[in-house]
Amino acid sequence: MGFSQGATLAAMLLLRANNRPTRPAFSFAVFFCGGAPMCESSLRKGIIRYLDLSVDSVRVTVPTANIVGKHDENLAYSMRLVDMCSEKTRTLFDHGASHEIPFQPKTISGDMARCIEAVMAKAVFAQ
């Protein structure tokens, strides 16, 4: 589970696991206002480059809850992360706010919790 840059880092760890013969360390992920993952090989050279599906053939393969806010100034980066998650196992929820995890109204918190529970169920019962 990660928020903003923490979600980006979590996605990068999951993508790194795709290149290993063992199973990923995590069975699902929750990304709150996450951003597009960065290319690790470029970072090692001191270059900041976000992964791009038109160039990089990478996917987060575990079930994901992608929780975004339609008023987030970084929404485009969040949607790039959503696109990198497997279409079969990703869930997208828009909490309607900005770059935050809103707690009001309480119905939003409940809706986000149900989204996460659904992703956890996918992780448990899909295997």
Protein backbone atom coordinates (compact mmCIF):
# COMPACT_ATOMS: atom_id res chain seq x y z
CA MET A 1 0.00 0.00 0.00
CA GLY A 2 1.35 3.38 -0.89
CA PHE A 3 0.33 7.00 -1.27
CA SER A 4 1.70 9.23 -4.04
CA GLN A 5 5.44 8.58 -4.43
CA GLY A 6 5.14 5.62 -2.05
CA ALA A 7 2.67 4.05 -4.49
CA THR A 8 5.10 4.74 -7.33
CA LEU A 9 7.88 2.97 -5.42
CA ALA A 10 5.58 0.02 -4.60
CA ALA A 11 4.70 -0.30 -8.29
CA MET A 12 8.39 -0.26 -9.20
CA LEU A 13 9.03 -3.10 -6.72
CA LEU A 14 6.20 -5.12 -8.22
CA LEU A 15 7.51 -4.52 -11.75
CA ARG A 16 10.99 -5.58 -10.65
CA ALA A 17 9.47 -8.86 -9.43
CA ASN A 18 8.17 -9.52 -12.97
CA ASN A 19 11.77 -10.15 -14.06
CA ARG A 20 12.37 -12.85 -11.47
CA PRO A 21 11.34 -16.51 -11.67
CA THR A 22 9.81 -16.44 -8.18
CA ARG A 23 6.37 -15.16 -7.27
CA PRO A 24 5.99 -11.47 -6.35
CA ALA A 25 6.53 -10.62 -2.69
CA PHE A 26 3.00 -9.17 -2.54
CA SER A 27 -0.27 -10.75 -3.63
CA PHE A 28 -2.07 -7.42 -4.20
CA ALA A 29 -1.40 -3.68 -4.12
CA VAL A 30 -3.28 -0.57 -3.07
CA PHE A 31 -2.23 2.64 -4.81
CA PHE A 32 -3.59 5.94 -3.45
CA CYS A 33 -2.94 8.80 -5.92
CA GLY A 34 0.05 6.86 -7.24
CA GLY A 35 2.23 8.10 -10.01
CA ALA A 36 3.74 6.47 -13.06
CA PRO A 37 6.65 4.18 -12.18
CA MET A 38 10.12 5.23 -13.24
CA CYS A 39 12.54 3.23 -15.36
CA GLU A 40 15.13 1.73 -13.00
CA SER A 41 17.86 1.33 -15.63
CA SER A 42 17.53 5.01 -16.53
CA LEU A 43 17.65 6.02 -12.86
CA ARG A 44 20.92 4.11 -12.45
CA LYS A 45 22.35 6.37 -15.19
CA GLY A 46 21.06 9.49 -13.46
CA ILE A 47 18.19 9.97 -15.92
CA ILE A 48 14.61 10.40 -14.76
CA ARG A 49 12.32 8.59 -17.20
CA TYR A 50 8.81 7.43 -16.47
CA LEU A 51 7.80 4.06 -17.85
CA ASP A 52 5.55 4.37 -20.88
CA LEU A 53 3.41 1.56 -22.27
CA SER A 54 4.13 2.69 -25.83
CA VAL A 55 7.84 2.00 -25.20
CA ASP A 56 8.03 -0.37 -22.23
CA SER A 57 6.10 -3.64 -22.20
CA VAL A 58 5.55 -3.85 -18.46
CA ARG A 59 2.51 -4.70 -16.36
CA VAL A 60 1.77 -4.95 -12.66
CA THR A 61 0.28 -8.43 -12.63
CA VAL A 62 -1.09 -8.71 -9.08
CA PRO A 63 -4.60 -7.39 -8.32
CA THR A 64 -4.56 -3.65 -7.65
CA ALA A 65 -6.83 -1.05 -6.10
CA ASN A 66 -6.07 2.21 -7.87
CA ILE A 67 -7.67 5.00 -5.83
CA VAL A 68 -7.48 8.41 -7.49
CA GLY A 69 -9.05 11.85 -7.16
CA LYS A 70 -10.54 13.60 -10.17
CA HIS A 71 -9.28 16.96 -8.86
CA ASP A 72 -5.70 15.75 -8.34
CA GLU A 73 -3.24 17.92 -10.27
CA ASN A 74 -1.27 14.70 -10.93
CA LEU A 75 -4.22 12.64 -12.16
CA ALA A 76 -2.59 11.97 -15.54
CA TYR A 77 0.34 10.27 -13.78
CA SER A 78 -2.07 8.23 -11.66
CA MET A 79 -3.87 7.09 -14.80
CA ARG A 80 -0.54 6.01 -16.34
CA LEU A 81 -0.05 3.76 -13.31
CA VAL A 82 -3.61 2.43 -13.72
CA ASP A 83 -2.84 1.62 -17.36
CA MET A 84 0.25 -0.34 -16.29
CA CYS A 85 -1.85 -2.58 -14.06
CA SER A 86 -3.36 -5.73 -15.55
CA GLU A 87 -6.79 -4.97 -17.00
CA LYS A 88 -8.10 -8.27 -15.63
CA THR A 89 -7.24 -7.58 -12.01
CA ARG A 90 -7.19 -3.82 -11.54
CA THR A 91 -9.93 -1.86 -9.83
CA LEU A 92 -10.23 1.89 -10.25
CA PHE A 93 -11.99 4.08 -7.69
CA ASP A 94 -12.29 7.87 -7.94
CA HIS A 95 -12.81 9.44 -4.51
CA GLY A 96 -13.68 12.76 -6.15
CA ALA A 97 -11.16 14.88 -4.24
CA SER A 98 -7.61 16.04 -4.93
CA HIS A 99 -4.17 14.61 -4.02
CA GLU A 100 -5.23 13.17 -0.67
CA ILE A 101 -6.93 10.30 1.09
CA PRO A 102 -10.26 11.87 2.03
CA PHE A 103 -12.06 10.91 5.23
CA GLN A 104 -15.21 12.94 4.66
CA PRO A 105 -17.90 12.14 3.85
CA LYS A 106 -17.80 8.81 5.65
CA THR A 107 -19.41 7.11 2.67
CA ILE A 108 -16.22 7.74 0.68
CA SER A 109 -14.13 5.95 3.32
CA GLY A 110 -16.54 3.02 3.19
CA ASP A 111 -16.44 2.93 -0.61
CA MET A 112 -12.63 2.96 -0.61
CA ALA A 113 -12.58 0.15 1.98
CA ARG A 114 -14.96 -1.95 -0.15
CA CYS A 115 -12.72 -1.38 -3.18
CA ILE A 116 -9.71 -2.62 -1.22
CA GLU A 117 -11.66 -5.60 0.14
CA ALA A 118 -12.65 -6.57 -3.42
CA VAL A 119 -9.02 -6.51 -4.52
CA MET A 120 -8.00 -8.60 -1.52
CA ALA A 121 -10.68 -11.13 -2.45
CA LYS A 122 -9.33 -11.26 -6.02
CA ALA A 123 -5.87 -11.95 -4.63
CA VAL A 124 -7.11 -14.75 -2.37
CA PHE A 125 -9.66 -16.47 -4.58
CA ALA A 126 -8.05 -16.03 -8.01
CA GLN A 127 -5.06 -18.20 -7.14
